[in-house]
Amino acid sequence: LTQSLWRELRSNFSLAFWDDWMREPSRTRNRSCIRPEVSRTYTFGAIGSSGGIFYAQYLQPMVLNEEVVDWSTQDVEYLKQDAYDTYLQRVIENAKIIESGKLTKRAIKRMEEEDG
């Protein structure tokens, strides 16, 4: 987050669900953020702005990355709009169609194993 962007946003910054607030079109103004492939965020407990409503189910199982990545040496050109759109289109076109009623933990595990 740059200092100039913080100046723009700080007066109305949301303390609850700030990540949803940041994605609203009135804030993004057709801008996007290239974020690292390895998350640098860390959820440290159920107590927070969301009140912990989904912590145990979704957030607690996540672990913090332990590998150091020097992002200044990484090629992130593929994350720029045109290249990423092409990549995402290819992923969507090759995606497996799965009926939600047939989606079980066992089926998910089998698909993950197939994708290797």
PDB file of N, CA and C in Angstrom:
ATOM      1  N   LEU A   1       0.855  -1.173   0.000  1.00  0.00           N
ATOM      2  CA  LEU A   1       0.000   0.000   0.000  1.00  0.00           C
ATOM      3  C   LEU A   1       0.902   1.237   0.000  1.00  0.00           C
ATOM      4  N   THR A   2       0.744   2.044  -0.990  1.00  0.00           N
ATOM      5  CA  THR A   2       1.583   3.238  -1.068  1.00  0.00           C
ATOM      6  C   THR A   2       1.057   4.323  -0.128  1.00  0.00           C
ATOM      7  N   GLN A   3       1.914   5.251   0.192  1.00  0.00           N
ATOM      8  CA  GLN A   3       1.523   6.349   1.066  1.00  0.00           C
ATOM      9  C   GLN A   3       0.403   7.182   0.423  1.00  0.00           C
ATOM     10  N   SER A   4       0.488   7.409  -0.875  1.00  0.00           N
ATOM     11  CA  SER A   4      -0.541   8.215  -1.537  1.00  0.00           C
ATOM     12  C   SER A   4      -1.893   7.503  -1.533  1.00  0.00           C
ATOM     13  N   LEU A   5      -1.897   6.174  -1.703  1.00  0.00           N
ATOM     14  CA  LEU A   5      -3.157   5.433  -1.649  1.00  0.00           C
ATOM     15  C   LEU A   5      -3.723   5.463  -0.236  1.00  0.00           C
ATOM     16  N   TRP A   6      -2.869   5.328   0.770  1.00  0.00           N
ATOM     17  CA  TRP A   6      -3.337   5.396   2.158  1.00  0.00           C
ATOM     18  C   TRP A   6      -3.973   6.759   2.437  1.00  0.00           C
ATOM     19  N   ARG A   7      -3.362   7.831   1.955  1.00  0.00           N
ATOM     20  CA  ARG A   7      -3.947   9.166   2.145  1.00  0.00           C
ATOM     21  C   ARG A   7      -5.343   9.236   1.525  1.00  0.00           C
ATOM     22  N   GLU A   8      -5.484   8.591   0.386  1.00  0.00           N
ATOM     23  CA  GLU A   8      -6.778   8.590  -0.305  1.00  0.00           C
ATOM     24  C   GLU A   8      -7.844   7.817   0.485  1.00  0.00           C
ATOM     25  N   LEU A   9      -7.459   6.715   1.110  1.00  0.00           N
ATOM     26  CA  LEU A   9      -8.419   5.813   1.730  1.00  0.00           C
ATOM     27  C   LEU A   9      -8.634   6.005   3.225  1.00  0.00           C
ATOM     28  N   ARG A  10      -7.679   6.556   3.927  1.00  0.00           N
ATOM     29  CA  ARG A  10      -7.679   6.501   5.387  1.00  0.00           C
ATOM     30  C   ARG A  10      -8.869   7.158   6.067  1.00  0.00           C
ATOM     31  N   SER A  11      -9.417   8.200   5.515  1.00  0.00           N
ATOM     32  CA  SER A  11     -10.506   8.897   6.205  1.00  0.00           C
ATOM     33  C   SER A  11     -11.774   8.052   6.316  1.00  0.00           C
ATOM     34  N   ASN A  12     -11.964   7.106   5.415  1.00  0.00           N
ATOM     35  CA  ASN A  12     -13.154   6.256   5.445  1.00  0.00           C
ATOM     36  C   ASN A  12     -12.822   4.784   5.661  1.00  0.00           C
ATOM     37  N   PHE A  13     -11.601   4.504   6.082  1.00  0.00           N
ATOM     38  CA  PHE A  13     -11.163   3.113   6.182  1.00  0.00           C
ATOM     39  C   PHE A  13     -12.072   2.313   7.111  1.00  0.00           C
ATOM     40  N   SER A  14     -12.434   1.131   6.660  1.00  0.00           N
ATOM     41  CA  SER A  14     -13.334   0.265   7.419  1.00  0.00           C
ATOM     42  C   SER A  14     -12.525  -0.593   8.387  1.00  0.00           C
ATOM     43  N   LEU A  15     -12.948  -0.622   9.631  1.00  0.00           N
ATOM     44  CA  LEU A  15     -12.256  -1.447  10.622  1.00  0.00           C
ATOM     45  C   LEU A  15     -12.765  -2.884  10.599  1.00  0.00           C
ATOM     46  N   ALA A  16     -13.971  -3.087  10.106  1.00  0.00           N
ATOM     47  CA  ALA A  16     -14.531  -4.437  10.005  1.00  0.00           C
ATOM     48  C   ALA A  16     -14.616  -4.816   8.526  1.00  0.00           C
ATOM     49  N   PHE A  17     -14.243  -6.047   8.223  1.00  0.00           N
ATOM     50  CA  PHE A  17     -14.307  -6.567   6.850  1.00  0.00           C
ATOM     51  C   PHE A  17     -13.606  -5.619   5.877  1.00  0.00           C
ATOM     52  N   TRP A  18     -12.440  -5.124   6.293  1.00  0.00           N
ATOM     53  CA  TRP A  18     -11.724  -4.132   5.493  1.00  0.00           C
ATOM     54  C   TRP A  18     -11.353  -4.659   4.110  1.00  0.00           C
ATOM     55  N   ASP A  19     -11.121  -5.987   3.999  1.00  0.00           N
ATOM     56  CA  ASP A  19     -10.730  -6.530   2.695  1.00  0.00           C
ATOM     57  C   ASP A  19     -11.889  -6.465   1.707  1.00  0.00           C
ATOM     58  N   ASP A  20     -13.116  -6.688   2.182  1.00  0.00           N
ATOM     59  CA  ASP A  20     -14.282  -6.529   1.314  1.00  0.00           C
ATOM     60  C   ASP A  20     -14.452  -5.059   0.939  1.00  0.00           C
ATOM     61  N   TRP A  21     -14.269  -4.197   1.913  1.00  0.00           N
ATOM     62  CA  TRP A  21     -14.391  -2.758   1.695  1.00  0.00           C
ATOM     63  C   TRP A  21     -13.393  -2.296   0.626  1.00  0.00           C
ATOM     64  N   MET A  22     -12.172  -2.845   0.683  1.00  0.00           N
ATOM     65  CA  MET A  22     -11.136  -2.452  -0.286  1.00  0.00           C
ATOM     66  C   MET A  22     -11.476  -2.876  -1.713  1.00  0.00           C
ATOM     67  N   ARG A  23     -12.286  -3.938  -1.862  1.00  0.00           N
ATOM     68  CA  ARG A  23     -12.605  -4.437  -3.202  1.00  0.00           C
ATOM     69  C   ARG A  23     -13.802  -3.739  -3.840  1.00  0.00           C
ATOM     70  N   GLU A  24     -14.443  -2.835  -3.132  1.00  0.00           N
ATOM     71  CA  GLU A  24     -15.582  -2.125  -3.712  1.00  0.00           C
ATOM     72  C   GLU A  24     -15.109  -1.253  -4.874  1.00  0.00           C
ATOM     73  N   PRO A  25     -15.860  -1.246  -5.969  1.00  0.00           N
ATOM     74  CA  PRO A  25     -15.458  -0.486  -7.161  1.00  0.00           C
ATOM     75  C   PRO A  25     -15.157   0.990  -6.891  1.00  0.00           C
ATOM     76  N   SER A  26     -15.858   1.595  -5.933  1.00  0.00           N
ATOM     77  CA  SER A  26     -15.602   3.011  -5.640  1.00  0.00           C
ATOM     78  C   SER A  26     -14.207   3.219  -5.053  1.00  0.00           C
ATOM     79  N   ARG A  27     -13.621   2.151  -4.505  1.00  0.00           N
ATOM     80  CA  ARG A  27     -12.265   2.255  -3.959  1.00  0.00           C
ATOM     81  C   ARG A  27     -11.213   1.797  -4.953  1.00  0.00           C
ATOM     82  N   THR A  28     -11.509   0.737  -5.677  1.00  0.00           N
ATOM     83  CA  THR A  28     -10.506   0.218  -6.615  1.00  0.00           C
ATOM     84  C   THR A  28     -10.349   1.133  -7.819  1.00  0.00           C
ATOM     85  N   ARG A  29     -11.443   1.796  -8.207  1.00  0.00           N
ATOM     86  CA  ARG A  29     -11.424   2.723  -9.341  1.00  0.00           C
ATOM     87  C   ARG A  29     -10.670   2.132 -10.525  1.00  0.00           C
ATOM     88  N   ASN A  30     -11.015   0.904 -10.829  1.00  0.00           N
ATOM     89  CA  ASN A  30     -10.446   0.181 -11.967  1.00  0.00           C
ATOM     90  C   ASN A  30      -8.949  -0.119 -11.798  1.00  0.00           C
ATOM     91  N   ARG A  31      -8.480  -0.088 -10.556  1.00  0.00           N
ATOM     92  CA  ARG A  31      -7.103  -0.467 -10.255  1.00  0.00           C
ATOM     93  C   ARG A  31      -7.114  -1.906  -9.750  1.00  0.00           C
ATOM     94  N   SER A  32      -6.002  -2.568  -9.849  1.00  0.00           N
ATOM     95  CA  SER A  32      -5.891  -3.909  -9.284  1.00  0.00           C
ATOM     96  C   SER A  32      -4.530  -4.052  -8.622  1.00  0.00           C
ATOM     97  N   CYS A  33      -4.406  -5.080  -7.840  1.00  0.00           N
ATOM     98  CA  CYS A  33      -3.180  -5.298  -7.089  1.00  0.00           C
ATOM     99  C   CYS A  33      -2.577  -6.629  -7.489  1.00  0.00           C
ATOM    100  N   ILE A  34      -1.296  -6.619  -7.809  1.00  0.00           N
ATOM    101  CA  ILE A  34      -0.584  -7.869  -8.035  1.00  0.00           C
ATOM    102  C   ILE A  34      -0.102  -8.315  -6.668  1.00  0.00           C
ATOM    103  N   ARG A  35      -0.567  -9.481  -6.255  1.00  0.00           N
ATOM    104  CA  ARG A  35      -0.128  -9.954  -4.950  1.00  0.00           C
ATOM    105  C   ARG A  35       0.732 -11.186  -5.086  1.00  0.00           C
ATOM    106  N   PRO A  36       1.583 -11.407  -4.118  1.00  0.00           N
ATOM    107  CA  PRO A  36       2.491 -12.543  -4.203  1.00  0.00           C
ATOM    108  C   PRO A  36       1.749 -13.875  -4.283  1.00  0.00           C
ATOM    109  N   GLU A  37       2.334 -14.832  -4.942  1.00  0.00           N
ATOM    110  CA  GLU A  37       1.765 -16.169  -5.019  1.00  0.00           C
ATOM    111  C   GLU A  37       1.783 -16.824  -3.650  1.00  0.00           C
ATOM    112  N   VAL A  38       2.707 -16.429  -2.803  1.00  0.00           N
ATOM    113  CA  VAL A  38       2.776 -16.944  -1.445  1.00  0.00           C
ATOM    114  C   VAL A  38       2.302 -15.823  -0.534  1.00  0.00           C
ATOM    115  N   SER A  39       1.217 -16.087   0.152  1.00  0.00           N
ATOM    116  CA  SER A  39       0.619 -15.058   0.988  1.00  0.00           C
ATOM    117  C   SER A  39       1.551 -14.639   2.122  1.00  0.00           C
ATOM    118  N   ARG A  40       1.545 -13.349   2.403  1.00  0.00           N
ATOM    119  CA  ARG A  40       2.314 -12.842   3.535  1.00  0.00           C
ATOM    120  C   ARG A  40       1.392 -12.486   4.688  1.00  0.00           C
ATOM    121  N   THR A  41       0.120 -12.805   4.554  1.00  0.00           N
ATOM    122  CA  THR A  41      -0.831 -12.512   5.616  1.00  0.00           C
ATOM    123  C   THR A  41      -0.896 -13.666   6.596  1.00  0.00           C
ATOM    124  N   TYR A  42      -1.367 -13.384   7.790  1.00  0.00           N
ATOM    125  CA  TYR A  42      -1.426 -14.390   8.832  1.00  0.00           C
ATOM    126  C   TYR A  42      -2.653 -14.144   9.680  1.00  0.00           C
ATOM    127  N   THR A  43      -3.463 -15.162   9.846  1.00  0.00           N
ATOM    128  CA  THR A  43      -4.623 -15.081  10.712  1.00  0.00           C
ATOM    129  C   THR A  43      -4.223 -15.686  12.042  1.00  0.00           C
ATOM    130  N   PHE A  44      -4.243 -14.880  13.093  1.00  0.00           N
ATOM    131  CA  PHE A  44      -3.674 -15.326  14.353  1.00  0.00           C
ATOM    132  C   PHE A  44      -4.704 -15.675  15.420  1.00  0.00           C
ATOM    133  N   GLY A  45      -5.994 -15.610  15.103  1.00  0.00           N
ATOM    134  CA  GLY A  45      -6.974 -16.004  16.101  1.00  0.00           C
ATOM    135  C   GLY A  45      -8.389 -15.691  15.705  1.00  0.00           C
ATOM    136  N   ALA A  46      -9.305 -16.238  16.468  1.00  0.00           N
ATOM    137  CA  ALA A  46     -10.726 -16.090  16.173  1.00  0.00           C
ATOM    138  C   ALA A  46     -11.246 -14.706  16.519  1.00  0.00           C
ATOM    139  N   ILE A  47     -10.535 -13.980  17.359  1.00  0.00           N
ATOM    140  CA  ILE A  47     -10.997 -12.655  17.766  1.00  0.00           C
ATOM    141  C   ILE A  47     -10.459 -11.632  16.779  1.00  0.00           C
ATOM    142  N   GLY A  48     -11.356 -10.906  16.170  1.00  0.00           N
ATOM    143  CA  GLY A  48     -10.939  -9.913  15.184  1.00  0.00           C
ATOM    144  C   GLY A  48     -12.139  -9.170  14.650  1.00  0.00           C
ATOM    145  N   SER A  49     -11.943  -8.451  13.562  1.00  0.00           N
ATOM    146  CA  SER A  49     -13.011  -7.594  13.037  1.00  0.00           C
ATOM    147  C   SER A  49     -14.227  -8.377  12.556  1.00  0.00           C
ATOM    148  N   SER A  50     -14.034  -9.629  12.135  1.00  0.00           N
ATOM    149  CA  SER A  50     -15.170 -10.417  11.653  1.00  0.00           C
ATOM    150  C   SER A  50     -15.889 -11.138  12.779  1.00  0.00           C
ATOM    151  N   GLY A  51     -15.358 -11.050  13.992  1.00  0.00           N
ATOM    152  CA  GLY A  51     -15.970 -11.734  15.119  1.00  0.00           C
ATOM    153  C   GLY A  51     -15.700 -13.233  15.108  1.00  0.00           C
ATOM    154  N   GLY A  52     -14.804 -13.683  14.257  1.00  0.00           N
ATOM    155  CA  GLY A  52     -14.432 -15.089  14.235  1.00  0.00           C
ATOM    156  C   GLY A  52     -15.479 -16.026  13.677  1.00  0.00           C
ATOM    157  N   ILE A  53     -16.422 -15.506  12.876  1.00  0.00           N
ATOM    158  CA  ILE A  53     -17.541 -16.336  12.444  1.00  0.00           C
ATOM    159  C   ILE A  53     -17.146 -17.512  11.560  1.00  0.00           C
ATOM    160  N   PHE A  54     -16.051 -17.428  10.840  1.00  0.00           N
ATOM    161  CA  PHE A  54     -15.622 -18.543   9.993  1.00  0.00           C
ATOM    162  C   PHE A  54     -14.202 -19.001  10.323  1.00  0.00           C
ATOM    163  N   TYR A  55     -13.675 -18.549  11.438  1.00  0.00           N
ATOM    164  CA  TYR A  55     -12.279 -18.839  11.770  1.00  0.00           C
ATOM    165  C   TYR A  55     -11.979 -20.332  11.792  1.00  0.00           C
ATOM    166  N   ALA A  56     -12.700 -21.095  12.599  1.00  0.00           N
ATOM    167  CA  ALA A  56     -12.391 -22.526  12.764  1.00  0.00           C
ATOM    168  C   ALA A  56     -12.539 -23.289  11.453  1.00  0.00           C
ATOM    169  N   GLN A  57     -13.543 -22.923  10.671  1.00  0.00           N
ATOM    170  CA  GLN A  57     -13.820 -23.655   9.439  1.00  0.00           C
ATOM    171  C   GLN A  57     -12.833 -23.346   8.319  1.00  0.00           C
ATOM    172  N   TYR A  58     -12.476 -22.083   8.140  1.00  0.00           N
ATOM    173  CA  TYR A  58     -11.682 -21.708   6.970  1.00  0.00           C
ATOM    174  C   TYR A  58     -10.275 -21.186   7.278  1.00  0.00           C
ATOM    175  N   LEU A  59     -10.126 -20.448   8.355  1.00  0.00           N
ATOM    176  CA  LEU A  59      -8.866 -19.752   8.582  1.00  0.00           C
ATOM    177  C   LEU A  59      -7.876 -20.509   9.460  1.00  0.00           C
ATOM    178  N   GLN A  60      -8.367 -21.192  10.481  1.00  0.00           N
ATOM    179  CA  GLN A  60      -7.469 -21.888  11.397  1.00  0.00           C
ATOM    180  C   GLN A  60      -6.565 -22.912  10.696  1.00  0.00           C
ATOM    181  N   PRO A  61      -7.076 -23.647   9.694  1.00  0.00           N
ATOM    182  CA  PRO A  61      -6.205 -24.629   9.035  1.00  0.00           C
ATOM    183  C   PRO A  61      -5.073 -24.025   8.203  1.00  0.00           C
ATOM    184  N   MET A  62      -5.138 -22.736   7.892  1.00  0.00           N
ATOM    185  CA  MET A  62      -4.099 -22.108   7.079  1.00  0.00           C
ATOM    186  C   MET A  62      -2.820 -21.933   7.879  1.00  0.00           C
ATOM    187  N   VAL A  63      -1.699 -22.120   7.205  1.00  0.00           N
ATOM    188  CA  VAL A  63      -0.410 -21.944   7.875  1.00  0.00           C
ATOM    189  C   VAL A  63       0.369 -20.817   7.209  1.00  0.00           C
ATOM    190  N   LEU A  64       1.211 -20.200   7.970  1.00  0.00           N
ATOM    191  CA  LEU A  64       2.031 -19.110   7.464  1.00  0.00           C
ATOM    192  C   LEU A  64       3.190 -19.669   6.650  1.00  0.00           C
ATOM    193  N   ASN A  65       3.463 -19.051   5.532  1.00  0.00           N
ATOM    194  CA  ASN A  65       4.590 -19.475   4.701  1.00  0.00           C
ATOM    195  C   ASN A  65       5.887 -19.349   5.488  1.00  0.00           C
ATOM    196  N   GLU A  66       6.736 -20.341   5.354  1.00  0.00           N
ATOM    197  CA  GLU A  66       8.016 -20.319   6.061  1.00  0.00           C
ATOM    198  C   GLU A  66       9.205 -20.178   5.114  1.00  0.00           C
ATOM    199  N   GLU A  67       8.936 -20.096   3.814  1.00  0.00           N
ATOM    200  CA  GLU A  67      10.011 -19.946   2.839  1.00  0.00           C
ATOM    201  C   GLU A  67      10.211 -18.472   2.511  1.00  0.00           C
ATOM    202  N   VAL A  68      11.448 -18.037   2.521  1.00  0.00           N
ATOM    203  CA  VAL A  68      11.772 -16.659   2.176  1.00  0.00           C
ATOM    204  C   VAL A  68      11.761 -16.528   0.654  1.00  0.00           C
ATOM    205  N   VAL A  69      11.051 -15.525   0.152  1.00  0.00           N
ATOM    206  CA  VAL A  69      10.991 -15.280  -1.289  1.00  0.00           C
ATOM    207  C   VAL A  69      11.424 -13.838  -1.542  1.00  0.00           C
ATOM    208  N   ASP A  70      12.422 -13.676  -2.379  1.00  0.00           N
ATOM    209  CA  ASP A  70      12.867 -12.344  -2.766  1.00  0.00           C
ATOM    210  C   ASP A  70      12.063 -11.945  -4.000  1.00  0.00           C
ATOM    211  N   TRP A  71      10.965 -11.241  -3.780  1.00  0.00           N
ATOM    212  CA  TRP A  71      10.051 -10.915  -4.876  1.00  0.00           C
ATOM    213  C   TRP A  71      10.681  -9.990  -5.898  1.00  0.00           C
ATOM    214  N   SER A  72      11.718  -9.271  -5.517  1.00  0.00           N
ATOM    215  CA  SER A  72      12.359  -8.370  -6.483  1.00  0.00           C
ATOM    216  C   SER A  72      13.091  -9.149  -7.572  1.00  0.00           C
ATOM    217  N   THR A  73      13.344 -10.434  -7.349  1.00  0.00           N
ATOM    218  CA  THR A  73      14.032 -11.243  -8.352  1.00  0.00           C
ATOM    219  C   THR A  73      13.073 -12.141  -9.131  1.00  0.00           C
ATOM    220  N   GLN A  74      11.796 -12.084  -8.812  1.00  0.00           N
ATOM    221  CA  GLN A  74      10.818 -12.962  -9.448  1.00  0.00           C
ATOM    222  C   GLN A  74      10.191 -12.302 -10.679  1.00  0.00           C
ATOM    223  N   ASP A  75       9.951 -13.092 -11.685  1.00  0.00           N
ATOM    224  CA  ASP A  75       9.278 -12.613 -12.889  1.00  0.00           C
ATOM    225  C   ASP A  75       7.769 -12.654 -12.642  1.00  0.00           C
ATOM    226  N   VAL A  76       7.161 -11.506 -12.520  1.00  0.00           N
ATOM    227  CA  VAL A  76       5.719 -11.435 -12.272  1.00  0.00           C
ATOM    228  C   VAL A  76       4.959 -10.870 -13.475  1.00  0.00           C
ATOM    229  N   GLU A  77       5.607 -10.860 -14.622  1.00  0.00           N
ATOM    230  CA  GLU A  77       4.964 -10.351 -15.836  1.00  0.00           C
ATOM    231  C   GLU A  77       3.676 -11.107 -16.143  1.00  0.00           C
ATOM    232  N   TYR A  78       3.659 -12.397 -15.833  1.00  0.00           N
ATOM    233  CA  TYR A  78       2.479 -13.211 -16.119  1.00  0.00           C
ATOM    234  C   TYR A  78       1.280 -12.805 -15.270  1.00  0.00           C
ATOM    235  N   LEU A  79       1.489 -11.970 -14.256  1.00  0.00           N
ATOM    236  CA  LEU A  79       0.395 -11.506 -13.423  1.00  0.00           C
ATOM    237  C   LEU A  79      -0.210 -10.187 -13.912  1.00  0.00           C
ATOM    238  N   LYS A  80       0.413  -9.591 -14.927  1.00  0.00           N
ATOM    239  CA  LYS A  80      -0.149  -8.359 -15.475  1.00  0.00           C
ATOM    240  C   LYS A  80      -1.405  -8.680 -16.267  1.00  0.00           C
ATOM    241  N   GLN A  81      -2.278  -7.693 -16.377  1.00  0.00           N
ATOM    242  CA  GLN A  81      -3.634  -7.870 -16.890  1.00  0.00           C
ATOM    243  C   GLN A  81      -3.758  -8.751 -18.129  1.00  0.00           C
ATOM    244  N   ASP A  82      -3.093  -8.418 -19.224  1.00  0.00           N
ATOM    245  CA  ASP A  82      -3.270  -9.164 -20.475  1.00  0.00           C
ATOM    246  C   ASP A  82      -2.819 -10.614 -20.338  1.00  0.00           C
ATOM    247  N   ALA A  83      -1.640 -10.807 -19.773  1.00  0.00           N
ATOM    248  CA  ALA A  83      -1.124 -12.169 -19.619  1.00  0.00           C
ATOM    249  C   ALA A  83      -1.989 -12.969 -18.652  1.00  0.00           C
ATOM    250  N   TYR A  84      -2.406 -12.327 -17.563  1.00  0.00           N
ATOM    251  CA  TYR A  84      -3.216 -13.045 -16.574  1.00  0.00           C
ATOM    252  C   TYR A  84      -4.584 -13.404 -17.142  1.00  0.00           C
ATOM    253  N   ASP A  85      -5.189 -12.483 -17.874  1.00  0.00           N
ATOM    254  CA  ASP A  85      -6.493 -12.773 -18.477  1.00  0.00           C
ATOM    255  C   ASP A  85      -6.408 -13.969 -19.418  1.00  0.00           C
ATOM    256  N   THR A  86      -5.345 -14.038 -20.211  1.00  0.00           N
ATOM    257  CA  THR A  86      -5.142 -15.164 -21.125  1.00  0.00           C
ATOM    258  C   THR A  86      -4.982 -16.461 -20.335  1.00  0.00           C
ATOM    259  N   TYR A  87      -4.169 -16.414 -19.286  1.00  0.00           N
ATOM    260  CA  TYR A  87      -3.945 -17.579 -18.427  1.00  0.00           C
ATOM    261  C   TYR A  87      -5.264 -18.035 -17.785  1.00  0.00           C
ATOM    262  N   LEU A  88      -6.005 -17.088 -17.216  1.00  0.00           N
ATOM    263  CA  LEU A  88      -7.253 -17.432 -16.525  1.00  0.00           C
ATOM    264  C   LEU A  88      -8.273 -18.018 -17.498  1.00  0.00           C
ATOM    265  N   GLN A  89      -8.371 -17.462 -18.682  1.00  0.00           N
ATOM    266  CA  GLN A  89      -9.279 -17.993 -19.700  1.00  0.00           C
ATOM    267  C   GLN A  89      -8.936 -19.441 -20.028  1.00  0.00           C
ATOM    268  N   ARG A  90      -7.654 -19.740 -20.153  1.00  0.00           N
ATOM    269  CA  ARG A  90      -7.197 -21.101 -20.444  1.00  0.00           C
ATOM    270  C   ARG A  90      -7.553 -22.051 -19.295  1.00  0.00           C
ATOM    271  N   VAL A  91      -7.362 -21.601 -18.063  1.00  0.00           N
ATOM    272  CA  VAL A  91      -7.689 -22.423 -16.890  1.00  0.00           C
ATOM    273  C   VAL A  91      -9.187 -22.719 -16.854  1.00  0.00           C
ATOM    274  N   ILE A  92     -10.001 -21.712 -17.111  1.00  0.00           N
ATOM    275  CA  ILE A  92     -11.453 -21.892 -17.088  1.00  0.00           C
ATOM    276  C   ILE A  92     -11.903 -22.838 -18.198  1.00  0.00           C
ATOM    277  N   GLU A  93     -11.360 -22.669 -19.386  1.00  0.00           N
ATOM    278  CA  GLU A  93     -11.735 -23.536 -20.507  1.00  0.00           C
ATOM    279  C   GLU A  93     -11.361 -24.992 -20.260  1.00  0.00           C
ATOM    280  N   ASN A  94     -10.304 -25.244 -19.493  1.00  0.00           N
ATOM    281  CA  ASN A  94      -9.854 -26.605 -19.224  1.00  0.00           C
ATOM    282  C   ASN A  94     -10.345 -27.159 -17.885  1.00  0.00           C
ATOM    283  N   ALA A  95     -11.169 -26.404 -17.188  1.00  0.00           N
ATOM    284  CA  ALA A  95     -11.650 -26.836 -15.870  1.00  0.00           C
ATOM    285  C   ALA A  95     -12.629 -28.002 -15.994  1.00  0.00           C
ATOM    286  N   LYS A  96     -12.611 -28.862 -14.992  1.00  0.00           N
ATOM    287  CA  LYS A  96     -13.556 -29.979 -14.933  1.00  0.00           C
ATOM    288  C   LYS A  96     -14.883 -29.471 -14.394  1.00  0.00           C
ATOM    289  N   ILE A  97     -15.963 -29.907 -15.003  1.00  0.00           N
ATOM    290  CA  ILE A  97     -17.284 -29.546 -14.513  1.00  0.00           C
ATOM    291  C   ILE A  97     -17.698 -30.593 -13.485  1.00  0.00           C
ATOM    292  N   ILE A  98     -18.058 -30.126 -12.296  1.00  0.00           N
ATOM    293  CA  ILE A  98     -18.425 -31.023 -11.208  1.00  0.00           C
ATOM    294  C   ILE A  98     -19.762 -30.560 -10.638  1.00  0.00           C
ATOM    295  N   GLU A  99     -20.703 -31.480 -10.546  1.00  0.00           N
ATOM    296  CA  GLU A  99     -21.992 -31.150  -9.945  1.00  0.00           C
ATOM    297  C   GLU A  99     -21.801 -31.031  -8.441  1.00  0.00           C
ATOM    298  N   SER A 100     -22.337 -29.954  -7.859  1.00  0.00           N
ATOM    299  CA  SER A 100     -22.099 -29.700  -6.441  1.00  0.00           C
ATOM    300  C   SER A 100     -22.612 -30.830  -5.557  1.00  0.00           C
ATOM    301  N   GLY A 101     -23.685 -31.504  -5.952  1.00  0.00           N
ATOM    302  CA  GLY A 101     -24.223 -32.601  -5.160  1.00  0.00           C
ATOM    303  C   GLY A 101     -23.286 -33.793  -5.092  1.00  0.00           C
ATOM    304  N   LYS A 102     -22.358 -33.876  -6.013  1.00  0.00           N
ATOM    305  CA  LYS A 102     -21.422 -34.994  -6.052  1.00  0.00           C
ATOM    306  C   LYS A 102     -20.074 -34.645  -5.425  1.00  0.00           C
ATOM    307  N   LEU A 103     -19.966 -33.461  -4.890  1.00  0.00           N
ATOM    308  CA  LEU A 103     -18.707 -33.003  -4.347  1.00  0.00           C
ATOM    309  C   LEU A 103     -18.592 -33.418  -2.878  1.00  0.00           C
ATOM    310  N   THR A 104     -17.729 -34.355  -2.605  1.00  0.00           N
ATOM    311  CA  THR A 104     -17.487 -34.832  -1.249  1.00  0.00           C
ATOM    312  C   THR A 104     -16.007 -34.657  -0.927  1.00  0.00           C
ATOM    313  N   LYS A 105     -15.665 -34.778   0.341  1.00  0.00           N
ATOM    314  CA  LYS A 105     -14.255 -34.659   0.727  1.00  0.00           C
ATOM    315  C   LYS A 105     -13.419 -35.716   0.013  1.00  0.00           C
ATOM    316  N   ARG A 106     -13.983 -36.901  -0.138  1.00  0.00           N
ATOM    317  CA  ARG A 106     -13.260 -37.978  -0.817  1.00  0.00           C
ATOM    318  C   ARG A 106     -13.030 -37.631  -2.286  1.00  0.00           C
ATOM    319  N   ALA A 107     -14.062 -37.078  -2.933  1.00  0.00           N
ATOM    320  CA  ALA A 107     -13.939 -36.702  -4.345  1.00  0.00           C
ATOM    321  C   ALA A 107     -12.928 -35.574  -4.518  1.00  0.00           C
ATOM    322  N   ILE A 108     -12.938 -34.621  -3.605  1.00  0.00           N
ATOM    323  CA  ILE A 108     -11.991 -33.511  -3.668  1.00  0.00           C
ATOM    324  C   ILE A 108     -10.569 -34.043  -3.525  1.00  0.00           C
ATOM    325  N   LYS A 109     -10.351 -34.935  -2.568  1.00  0.00           N
ATOM    326  CA  LYS A 109      -9.014 -35.522  -2.368  1.00  0.00           C
ATOM    327  C   LYS A 109      -8.563 -36.263  -3.615  1.00  0.00           C
ATOM    328  N   ARG A 110      -9.472 -37.020  -4.243  1.00  0.00           N
ATOM    329  CA  ARG A 110      -9.124 -37.779  -5.454  1.00  0.00           C
ATOM    330  C   ARG A 110      -8.735 -36.815  -6.579  1.00  0.00           C
ATOM    331  N   MET A 111      -9.476 -35.724  -6.747  1.00  0.00           N
ATOM    332  CA  MET A 111      -9.158 -34.747  -7.793  1.00  0.00           C
ATOM    333  C   MET A 111      -7.802 -34.095  -7.546  1.00  0.00           C
ATOM    334  N   GLU A 112      -7.517 -33.778  -6.281  1.00  0.00           N
ATOM    335  CA  GLU A 112      -6.228 -33.181  -5.949  1.00  0.00           C
ATOM    336  C   GLU A 112      -5.088 -34.153  -6.271  1.00  0.00           C
ATOM    337  N   GLU A 113      -5.298 -35.421  -5.981  1.00  0.00           N
ATOM    338  CA  GLU A 113      -4.276 -36.430  -6.270  1.00  0.00           C
ATOM    339  C   GLU A 113      -4.071 -36.582  -7.770  1.00  0.00           C
ATOM    340  N   GLU A 114      -5.166 -36.500  -8.549  1.00  0.00           N
ATOM    341  CA  GLU A 114      -5.073 -36.612 -10.007  1.00  0.00           C
ATOM    342  C   GLU A 114      -4.317 -35.428 -10.581  1.00  0.00           C
ATOM    343  N   ASP A 115      -4.542 -34.228 -10.009  1.00  0.00           N
ATOM    344  CA  ASP A 115      -3.883 -33.030 -10.507  1.00  0.00           C
ATOM    345  C   ASP A 115      -2.423 -32.966 -10.100  1.00  0.00           C
ATOM    346  N   GLY A 116      -2.071 -33.813  -9.112  1.00  0.00           N
ATOM    347  CA  GLY A 116      -0.682 -33.979  -8.709  1.00  0.00           C
ATOM    348  C   GLY A 116      -0.065 -32.801  -8.107  1.00  0.00           C
TER     349      GLY A 116
END
